[in-house]
PDB file of N, CA and C in Angstrom:
ATOM      1  N   MET A   1       0.824  -1.183   0.000  1.00  0.00           N
ATOM      2  CA  MET A   1       0.000   0.000   0.000  1.00  0.00           C
ATOM      3  C   MET A   1       0.874   1.254   0.000  1.00  0.00           C
ATOM      4  N   LYS A   2       1.976   1.237   0.778  1.00  0.00           N
ATOM      5  CA  LYS A   2       2.872   2.385   0.821  1.00  0.00           C
ATOM      6  C   LYS A   2       3.431   2.687  -0.565  1.00  0.00           C
ATOM      7  N   THR A   3       3.878   1.642  -1.248  1.00  0.00           N
ATOM      8  CA  THR A   3       4.468   1.821  -2.561  1.00  0.00           C
ATOM      9  C   THR A   3       3.447   2.388  -3.534  1.00  0.00           C
ATOM     10  N   MET A   4       2.226   1.872  -3.446  1.00  0.00           N
ATOM     11  CA  MET A   4       1.174   2.357  -4.330  1.00  0.00           C
ATOM     12  C   MET A   4       0.914   3.841  -4.069  1.00  0.00           C
ATOM     13  N   MET A   5       0.889   4.239  -2.815  1.00  0.00           N
ATOM     14  CA  MET A   5       0.621   5.636  -2.475  1.00  0.00           C
ATOM     15  C   MET A   5       1.763   6.541  -2.948  1.00  0.00           C
ATOM     16  N   LYS A   6       3.007   6.062  -2.815  1.00  0.00           N
ATOM     17  CA  LYS A   6       4.139   6.853  -3.280  1.00  0.00           C
ATOM     18  C   LYS A   6       4.085   7.015  -4.792  1.00  0.00           C
ATOM     19  N   ALA A   7       3.762   5.932  -5.485  1.00  0.00           N
ATOM     20  CA  ALA A   7       3.673   5.992  -6.942  1.00  0.00           C
ATOM     21  C   ALA A   7       2.552   6.934  -7.368  1.00  0.00           C
ATOM     22  N   ALA A   8       1.433   6.859  -6.684  1.00  0.00           N
ATOM     23  CA  ALA A   8       0.312   7.743  -7.002  1.00  0.00           C
ATOM     24  C   ALA A   8       0.688   9.197  -6.729  1.00  0.00           C
ATOM     25  N   GLY A   9       1.423   9.420  -5.667  1.00  0.00           N
ATOM     26  CA  GLY A   9       1.878  10.772  -5.343  1.00  0.00           C
ATOM     27  C   GLY A   9       2.808  11.327  -6.407  1.00  0.00           C
ATOM     28  N   MET A  10       3.709  10.492  -6.864  1.00  0.00           N
ATOM     29  CA  MET A  10       4.627  10.917  -7.916  1.00  0.00           C
ATOM     30  C   MET A  10       3.880  11.174  -9.224  1.00  0.00           C
ATOM     31  N   ALA A  11       2.926  10.323  -9.536  1.00  0.00           N
ATOM     32  CA  ALA A  11       2.134  10.512 -10.753  1.00  0.00           C
ATOM     33  C   ALA A  11       1.342  11.813 -10.668  1.00  0.00           C
ATOM     34  N   GLY A  12       0.808  12.092  -9.491  1.00  0.00           N
ATOM     35  CA  GLY A  12       0.076  13.336  -9.296  1.00  0.00           C
ATOM     36  C   GLY A  12       0.969  14.543  -9.510  1.00  0.00           C
ATOM     37  N   LEU A  13       2.196  14.443  -9.045  1.00  0.00           N
ATOM     38  CA  LEU A  13       3.133  15.548  -9.231  1.00  0.00           C
ATOM     39  C   LEU A  13       3.408  15.772 -10.707  1.00  0.00           C
ATOM     40  N   LEU A  14       3.611  14.711 -11.441  1.00  0.00           N
ATOM     41  CA  LEU A  14       3.880  14.852 -12.859  1.00  0.00           C
ATOM     42  C   LEU A  14       2.713  15.504 -13.584  1.00  0.00           C
ATOM     43  N   MET A  15       1.504  15.187 -13.151  1.00  0.00           N
ATOM     44  CA  MET A  15       0.328  15.775 -13.768  1.00  0.00           C
ATOM     45  C   MET A  15       0.204  17.250 -13.425  1.00  0.00           C
ATOM     46  N   LEU A  16       0.556  17.607 -12.232  1.00  0.00           N
ATOM     47  CA  LEU A  16       0.429  18.995 -11.801  1.00  0.00           C
ATOM     48  C   LEU A  16       1.491  19.888 -12.425  1.00  0.00           C
ATOM     49  N   GLY A  17       2.680  19.331 -12.563  1.00  0.00           N
ATOM     50  CA  GLY A  17       3.794  20.126 -13.063  1.00  0.00           C
ATOM     51  C   GLY A  17       4.329  21.007 -11.956  1.00  0.00           C
ATOM     52  N   ALA A  18       5.580  21.299 -12.019  1.00  0.00           N
ATOM     53  CA  ALA A  18       6.193  22.121 -10.985  1.00  0.00           C
ATOM     54  C   ALA A  18       6.076  23.590 -11.367  1.00  0.00           C
ATOM     55  N   CYS A  19       5.587  24.383 -10.446  1.00  0.00           N
ATOM     56  CA  CYS A  19       5.418  25.813 -10.710  1.00  0.00           C
ATOM     57  C   CYS A  19       6.762  26.516 -10.683  1.00  0.00           C
ATOM     58  N   GLY A  20       7.529  26.230  -9.665  1.00  0.00           N
ATOM     59  CA  GLY A  20       8.832  26.862  -9.534  1.00  0.00           C
ATOM     60  C   GLY A  20       9.918  25.913  -9.990  1.00  0.00           C
ATOM     61  N   GLY A  21      11.118  26.415 -10.059  1.00  0.00           N
ATOM     62  CA  GLY A  21      12.211  25.576 -10.507  1.00  0.00           C
ATOM     63  C   GLY A  21      13.038  25.047  -9.358  1.00  0.00           C
ATOM     64  N   ASN A  22      12.695  25.402  -8.147  1.00  0.00           N
ATOM     65  CA  ASN A  22      13.492  25.002  -6.998  1.00  0.00           C
ATOM     66  C   ASN A  22      13.067  23.641  -6.483  1.00  0.00           C
ATOM     67  N   ALA A  23      14.034  22.939  -5.921  1.00  0.00           N
ATOM     68  CA  ALA A  23      13.748  21.605  -5.381  1.00  0.00           C
ATOM     69  C   ALA A  23      12.734  21.671  -4.249  1.00  0.00           C
ATOM     70  N   ASP A  24      12.772  22.720  -3.456  1.00  0.00           N
ATOM     71  CA  ASP A  24      11.822  22.815  -2.350  1.00  0.00           C
ATOM     72  C   ASP A  24      10.397  23.009  -2.859  1.00  0.00           C
ATOM     73  N   ASP A  25      10.229  23.694  -3.979  1.00  0.00           N
ATOM     74  CA  ASP A  25       8.890  23.865  -4.556  1.00  0.00           C
ATOM     75  C   ASP A  25       8.354  22.524  -5.055  1.00  0.00           C
ATOM     76  N   LYS A  26       9.211  21.776  -5.699  1.00  0.00           N
ATOM     77  CA  LYS A  26       8.810  20.454  -6.183  1.00  0.00           C
ATOM     78  C   LYS A  26       8.516  19.526  -5.008  1.00  0.00           C
ATOM     79  N   ALA A  27       9.329  19.616  -3.966  1.00  0.00           N
ATOM     80  CA  ALA A  27       9.105  18.789  -2.776  1.00  0.00           C
ATOM     81  C   ALA A  27       7.772  19.134  -2.133  1.00  0.00           C
ATOM     82  N   ALA A  28       7.449  20.408  -2.063  1.00  0.00           N
ATOM     83  CA  ALA A  28       6.167  20.829  -1.481  1.00  0.00           C
ATOM     84  C   ALA A  28       5.008  20.262  -2.297  1.00  0.00           C
ATOM     85  N   ASP A  29       5.120  20.302  -3.615  1.00  0.00           N
ATOM     86  CA  ASP A  29       4.081  19.724  -4.473  1.00  0.00           C
ATOM     87  C   ASP A  29       3.980  18.215  -4.257  1.00  0.00           C
ATOM     88  N   ASN A  30       5.120  17.556  -4.149  1.00  0.00           N
ATOM     89  CA  ASN A  30       5.125  16.105  -3.907  1.00  0.00           C
ATOM     90  C   ASN A  30       4.460  15.769  -2.576  1.00  0.00           C
ATOM     91  N   ILE A  31       4.777  16.536  -1.561  1.00  0.00           N
ATOM     92  CA  ILE A  31       4.213  16.306  -0.228  1.00  0.00           C
ATOM     93  C   ILE A  31       2.698  16.446  -0.274  1.00  0.00           C
ATOM     94  N   GLU A  32       2.232  17.512  -0.896  1.00  0.00           N
ATOM     95  CA  GLU A  32       0.790  17.726  -0.981  1.00  0.00           C
ATOM     96  C   GLU A  32       0.099  16.595  -1.736  1.00  0.00           C
ATOM     97  N   ALA A  33       0.673  16.178  -2.844  1.00  0.00           N
ATOM     98  CA  ALA A  33       0.074  15.096  -3.638  1.00  0.00           C
ATOM     99  C   ALA A  33       0.086  13.778  -2.872  1.00  0.00           C
ATOM    100  N   MET A  34       1.206  13.487  -2.226  1.00  0.00           N
ATOM    101  CA  MET A  34       1.351  12.233  -1.489  1.00  0.00           C
ATOM    102  C   MET A  34       0.364  12.146  -0.335  1.00  0.00           C
ATOM    103  N   THR A  35       0.249  13.220   0.428  1.00  0.00           N
ATOM    104  CA  THR A  35      -0.637  13.187   1.589  1.00  0.00           C
ATOM    105  C   THR A  35      -2.106  13.251   1.172  1.00  0.00           C
ATOM    106  N   GLU A  36      -2.395  13.952   0.107  1.00  0.00           N
ATOM    107  CA  GLU A  36      -3.774  14.004  -0.387  1.00  0.00           C
ATOM    108  C   GLU A  36      -4.220  12.621  -0.870  1.00  0.00           C
ATOM    109  N   ASN A  37      -3.337  11.927  -1.566  1.00  0.00           N
ATOM    110  CA  ASN A  37      -3.661  10.569  -2.023  1.00  0.00           C
ATOM    111  C   ASN A  37      -3.878   9.622  -0.848  1.00  0.00           C
ATOM    112  N   ARG A  38      -3.053   9.753   0.173  1.00  0.00           N
ATOM    113  CA  ARG A  38      -3.191   8.901   1.360  1.00  0.00           C
ATOM    114  C   ARG A  38      -4.500   9.211   2.088  1.00  0.00           C
ATOM    115  N   ALA A  39      -4.814  10.477   2.213  1.00  0.00           N
ATOM    116  CA  ALA A  39      -6.065  10.865   2.880  1.00  0.00           C
ATOM    117  C   ALA A  39      -7.271  10.371   2.092  1.00  0.00           C
ATOM    118  N   ASP A  40      -7.212  10.463   0.781  1.00  0.00           N
ATOM    119  CA  ASP A  40      -8.306   9.951  -0.057  1.00  0.00           C
ATOM    120  C   ASP A  40      -8.483   8.450   0.136  1.00  0.00           C
ATOM    121  N   ALA A  41      -7.377   7.727   0.228  1.00  0.00           N
ATOM    122  CA  ALA A  41      -7.450   6.278   0.439  1.00  0.00           C
ATOM    123  C   ALA A  41      -8.081   5.955   1.793  1.00  0.00           C
ATOM    124  N   LEU A  42      -7.738   6.730   2.812  1.00  0.00           N
ATOM    125  CA  LEU A  42      -8.338   6.519   4.127  1.00  0.00           C
ATOM    126  C   LEU A  42      -9.835   6.797   4.098  1.00  0.00           C
ATOM    127  N   GLU A  43     -10.239   7.828   3.385  1.00  0.00           N
ATOM    128  CA  GLU A  43     -11.665   8.130   3.278  1.00  0.00           C
ATOM    129  C   GLU A  43     -12.407   7.046   2.487  1.00  0.00           C
ATOM    130  N   ASP A  44     -11.745   6.494   1.491  1.00  0.00           N
ATOM    131  CA  ASP A  44     -12.348   5.380   0.746  1.00  0.00           C
ATOM    132  C   ASP A  44     -12.561   4.180   1.666  1.00  0.00           C
ATOM    133  N   GLN A  45     -11.586   3.914   2.525  1.00  0.00           N
ATOM    134  CA  GLN A  45     -11.731   2.826   3.497  1.00  0.00           C
ATOM    135  C   GLN A  45     -12.888   3.118   4.444  1.00  0.00           C
ATOM    136  N   ALA A  46     -12.991   4.361   4.875  1.00  0.00           N
ATOM    137  CA  ALA A  46     -14.070   4.745   5.794  1.00  0.00           C
ATOM    138  C   ALA A  46     -15.432   4.515   5.146  1.00  0.00           C
ATOM    139  N   ASP A  47     -15.539   4.817   3.876  1.00  0.00           N
ATOM    140  CA  ASP A  47     -16.804   4.625   3.167  1.00  0.00           C
ATOM    141  C   ASP A  47     -17.196   3.151   3.064  1.00  0.00           C
ATOM    142  N   LEU A  48     -16.214   2.280   3.084  1.00  0.00           N
ATOM    143  CA  LEU A  48     -16.476   0.852   2.913  1.00  0.00           C
ATOM    144  C   LEU A  48     -16.803   0.123   4.211  1.00  0.00           C
ATOM    145  N   THR A  49     -16.558   0.761   5.343  1.00  0.00           N
ATOM    146  CA  THR A  49     -16.786   0.083   6.615  1.00  0.00           C
ATOM    147  C   THR A  49     -18.232   0.271   7.074  1.00  0.00           C
ATOM    148  N   SER A  50     -18.714  -0.719   7.790  1.00  0.00           N
ATOM    149  CA  SER A  50     -20.074  -0.616   8.334  1.00  0.00           C
ATOM    150  C   SER A  50     -20.053  -0.223   9.813  1.00  0.00           C
ATOM    151  N   ASN A  51     -18.861  -0.116  10.386  1.00  0.00           N
ATOM    152  CA  ASN A  51     -18.700   0.255  11.782  1.00  0.00           C
ATOM    153  C   ASN A  51     -18.520   1.772  11.879  1.00  0.00           C
ATOM    154  N   GLU A  52     -19.450   2.435  12.523  1.00  0.00           N
ATOM    155  CA  GLU A  52     -19.434   3.898  12.587  1.00  0.00           C
ATOM    156  C   GLU A  52     -18.204   4.429  13.320  1.00  0.00           C
ATOM    157  N   GLN A  53     -17.766   3.744  14.364  1.00  0.00           N
ATOM    158  CA  GLN A  53     -16.587   4.197  15.108  1.00  0.00           C
ATOM    159  C   GLN A  53     -15.333   4.096  14.247  1.00  0.00           C
ATOM    160  N   VAL A  54     -15.214   3.017  13.514  1.00  0.00           N
ATOM    161  CA  VAL A  54     -14.064   2.846  12.627  1.00  0.00           C
ATOM    162  C   VAL A  54     -14.113   3.901  11.522  1.00  0.00           C
ATOM    163  N   GLU A  55     -15.294   4.137  10.997  1.00  0.00           N
ATOM    164  CA  GLU A  55     -15.459   5.147   9.949  1.00  0.00           C
ATOM    165  C   GLU A  55     -15.014   6.525  10.450  1.00  0.00           C
ATOM    166  N   ASP A  56     -15.466   6.891  11.645  1.00  0.00           N
ATOM    167  CA  ASP A  56     -15.084   8.184  12.223  1.00  0.00           C
ATOM    168  C   ASP A  56     -13.576   8.272  12.445  1.00  0.00           C
ATOM    169  N   ALA A  57     -12.983   7.180  12.935  1.00  0.00           N
ATOM    170  CA  ALA A  57     -11.541   7.167  13.190  1.00  0.00           C
ATOM    171  C   ALA A  57     -10.757   7.326  11.885  1.00  0.00           C
ATOM    172  N   LEU A  58     -11.193   6.646  10.838  1.00  0.00           N
ATOM    173  CA  LEU A  58     -10.516   6.750   9.550  1.00  0.00           C
ATOM    174  C   LEU A  58     -10.664   8.154   8.957  1.00  0.00           C
ATOM    175  N   GLU A  59     -11.829   8.737   9.108  1.00  0.00           N
ATOM    176  CA  GLU A  59     -12.027  10.098   8.605  1.00  0.00           C
ATOM    177  C   GLU A  59     -11.192  11.112   9.387  1.00  0.00           C
ATOM    178  N   ASP A  60     -11.081  10.918  10.694  1.00  0.00           N
ATOM    179  CA  ASP A  60     -10.223  11.786  11.509  1.00  0.00           C
ATOM    180  C   ASP A  60      -8.762  11.643  11.088  1.00  0.00           C
ATOM    181  N   ARG A  61      -8.359  10.411  10.843  1.00  0.00           N
ATOM    182  CA  ARG A  61      -6.979  10.164  10.420  1.00  0.00           C
ATOM    183  C   ARG A  61      -6.708  10.818   9.068  1.00  0.00           C
ATOM    184  N   ALA A  62      -7.677  10.739   8.167  1.00  0.00           N
ATOM    185  CA  ALA A  62      -7.529  11.373   6.853  1.00  0.00           C
ATOM    186  C   ALA A  62      -7.344  12.878   7.005  1.00  0.00           C
ATOM    187  N   GLU A  63      -8.122  13.475   7.868  1.00  0.00           N
ATOM    188  CA  GLU A  63      -8.004  14.917   8.103  1.00  0.00           C
ATOM    189  C   GLU A  63      -6.638  15.256   8.695  1.00  0.00           C
ATOM    190  N   ASN A  64      -6.159  14.435   9.617  1.00  0.00           N
ATOM    191  CA  ASN A  64      -4.836  14.659  10.209  1.00  0.00           C
ATOM    192  C   ASN A  64      -3.737  14.558   9.156  1.00  0.00           C
ATOM    193  N   VAL A  65      -3.870  13.590   8.258  1.00  0.00           N
ATOM    194  CA  VAL A  65      -2.879  13.421   7.190  1.00  0.00           C
ATOM    195  C   VAL A  65      -2.878  14.656   6.290  1.00  0.00           C
ATOM    196  N   ARG A  66      -4.054  15.143   5.943  1.00  0.00           N
ATOM    197  CA  ARG A  66      -4.135  16.350   5.101  1.00  0.00           C
ATOM    198  C   ARG A  66      -3.466  17.549   5.791  1.00  0.00           C
ATOM    199  N   GLU A  67      -3.782  17.743   7.059  1.00  0.00           N
ATOM    200  CA  GLU A  67      -3.195  18.868   7.793  1.00  0.00           C
ATOM    201  C   GLU A  67      -1.683  18.731   7.904  1.00  0.00           C
ATOM    202  N   MET A  68      -1.218  17.516   8.187  1.00  0.00           N
ATOM    203  CA  MET A  68       0.220  17.282   8.276  1.00  0.00           C
ATOM    204  C   MET A  68       0.882  17.584   6.934  1.00  0.00           C
ATOM    205  N   GLY A  69       0.238  17.174   5.850  1.00  0.00           N
ATOM    206  CA  GLY A  69       0.790  17.427   4.522  1.00  0.00           C
ATOM    207  C   GLY A  69       0.860  18.906   4.197  1.00  0.00           C
ATOM    208  N   GLU A  70      -0.191  19.631   4.531  1.00  0.00           N
ATOM    209  CA  GLU A  70      -0.195  21.077   4.285  1.00  0.00           C
ATOM    210  C   GLU A  70       0.903  21.767   5.084  1.00  0.00           C
ATOM    211  N   ASP A  71       1.026  21.380   6.349  1.00  0.00           N
ATOM    212  CA  ASP A  71       2.052  21.980   7.205  1.00  0.00           C
ATOM    213  C   ASP A  71       3.459  21.644   6.704  1.00  0.00           C
ATOM    214  N   ALA A  72       3.666  20.394   6.325  1.00  0.00           N
ATOM    215  CA  ALA A  72       4.990  19.967   5.859  1.00  0.00           C
ATOM    216  C   ALA A  72       5.343  20.634   4.530  1.00  0.00           C
ATOM    217  N   ALA A  73       4.373  20.752   3.640  1.00  0.00           N
ATOM    218  CA  ALA A  73       4.626  21.405   2.355  1.00  0.00           C
ATOM    219  C   ALA A  73       4.994  22.867   2.560  1.00  0.00           C
ATOM    220  N   GLU A  74       4.278  23.514   3.444  1.00  0.00           N
ATOM    221  CA  GLU A  74       4.582  24.917   3.746  1.00  0.00           C
ATOM    222  C   GLU A  74       5.968  25.045   4.361  1.00  0.00           C
ATOM    223  N   LYS A  75       6.302  24.130   5.258  1.00  0.00           N
ATOM    224  CA  LYS A  75       7.622  24.165   5.899  1.00  0.00           C
ATOM    225  C   LYS A  75       8.730  23.939   4.874  1.00  0.00           C
ATOM    226  N   ALA A  76       8.524  22.972   3.965  1.00  0.00           N
ATOM    227  CA  ALA A  76       9.530  22.698   2.936  1.00  0.00           C
ATOM    228  C   ALA A  76       9.764  23.928   2.079  1.00  0.00           C
ATOM    229  N   ASP A  77       8.693  24.607   1.725  1.00  0.00           N
ATOM    230  CA  ASP A  77       8.806  25.796   0.885  1.00  0.00           C
ATOM    231  C   ASP A  77       9.397  26.968   1.661  1.00  0.00           C
ATOM    232  N   ASP A  78       8.907  27.206   2.865  1.00  0.00           N
ATOM    233  CA  ASP A  78       9.396  28.332   3.669  1.00  0.00           C
ATOM    234  C   ASP A  78      10.853  28.176   4.072  1.00  0.00           C
ATOM    235  N   ASP A  79      11.244  26.940   4.425  1.00  0.00           N
ATOM    236  CA  ASP A  79      12.613  26.683   4.876  1.00  0.00           C
ATOM    237  C   ASP A  79      13.571  26.376   3.730  1.00  0.00           C
ATOM    238  N   ASP A  80      13.035  26.336   2.495  1.00  0.00           N
ATOM    239  CA  ASP A  80      13.840  25.948   1.329  1.00  0.00           C
ATOM    240  C   ASP A  80      14.559  24.623   1.589  1.00  0.00           C
ATOM    241  N   ASN A  81      13.787  23.652   2.096  1.00  0.00           N
ATOM    242  CA  ASN A  81      14.349  22.367   2.490  1.00  0.00           C
ATOM    243  C   ASN A  81      13.584  21.229   1.814  1.00  0.00           C
ATOM    244  N   ALA A  82      14.149  20.714   0.743  1.00  0.00           N
ATOM    245  CA  ALA A  82      13.515  19.623  -0.003  1.00  0.00           C
ATOM    246  C   ALA A  82      13.588  18.299   0.749  1.00  0.00           C
ATOM    247  N   GLN A  83      14.433  18.191   1.761  1.00  0.00           N
ATOM    248  CA  GLN A  83      14.576  16.939   2.506  1.00  0.00           C
ATOM    249  C   GLN A  83      13.345  16.622   3.347  1.00  0.00           C
ATOM    250  N   ILE A  84      12.512  17.586   3.574  1.00  0.00           N
ATOM    251  CA  ILE A  84      11.283  17.359   4.337  1.00  0.00           C
ATOM    252  C   ILE A  84      10.399  16.346   3.629  1.00  0.00           C
ATOM    253  N   GLU A  85      10.466  16.316   2.298  1.00  0.00           N
ATOM    254  CA  GLU A  85       9.663  15.362   1.529  1.00  0.00           C
ATOM    255  C   GLU A  85       9.958  13.933   1.958  1.00  0.00           C
ATOM    256  N   GLN A  86      11.226  13.599   2.117  1.00  0.00           N
ATOM    257  CA  GLN A  86      11.598  12.244   2.513  1.00  0.00           C
ATOM    258  C   GLN A  86      11.115  11.938   3.925  1.00  0.00           C
ATOM    259  N   ALA A  87      11.177  12.914   4.806  1.00  0.00           N
ATOM    260  CA  ALA A  87      10.703  12.716   6.173  1.00  0.00           C
ATOM    261  C   ALA A  87       9.201  12.412   6.175  1.00  0.00           C
ATOM    262  N   VAL A  88       8.444  13.107   5.347  1.00  0.00           N
ATOM    263  CA  VAL A  88       6.994  12.848   5.244  1.00  0.00           C
ATOM    264  C   VAL A  88       6.758  11.464   4.658  1.00  0.00           C
ATOM    265  N   ALA A  89       7.500  11.106   3.626  1.00  0.00           N
ATOM    266  CA  ALA A  89       7.334   9.782   3.010  1.00  0.00           C
ATOM    267  C   ALA A  89       7.624   8.686   4.026  1.00  0.00           C
ATOM    268  N   ASN A  90       8.599   8.891   4.878  1.00  0.00           N
ATOM    269  CA  ASN A  90       8.925   7.889   5.899  1.00  0.00           C
ATOM    270  C   ASN A  90       7.812   7.769   6.934  1.00  0.00           C
ATOM    271  N   ARG A  91       7.118   8.866   7.226  1.00  0.00           N
ATOM    272  CA  ARG A  91       6.029   8.842   8.202  1.00  0.00           C
ATOM    273  C   ARG A  91       4.787   8.168   7.646  1.00  0.00           C
ATOM    274  N   MET A  92       4.656   8.132   6.326  1.00  0.00           N
ATOM    275  CA  MET A  92       3.474   7.570   5.698  1.00  0.00           C
ATOM    276  C   MET A  92       3.642   6.075   5.649  1.00  0.00           C
TER     277      MET A  92
END
């Protein structure tokens, strides 16, 4: 599942195209795509469950992943640090 999410994140980046030419800009785009794909997958799982508590937990986790991705992407761009992308990938 991790590999699939990373591949989907990379594919999403290629589709979006990089706005800036800096590695940190590309890393921020990668982070956003990777975490958005992971959050979408969690929401898909939530939709498939019949247990309301599990559904709520998965939806909360999806929201946390989205927020973490937004924060990490902003940090990568603000700090001009493309290495943050790898740290996010390791957490996923």
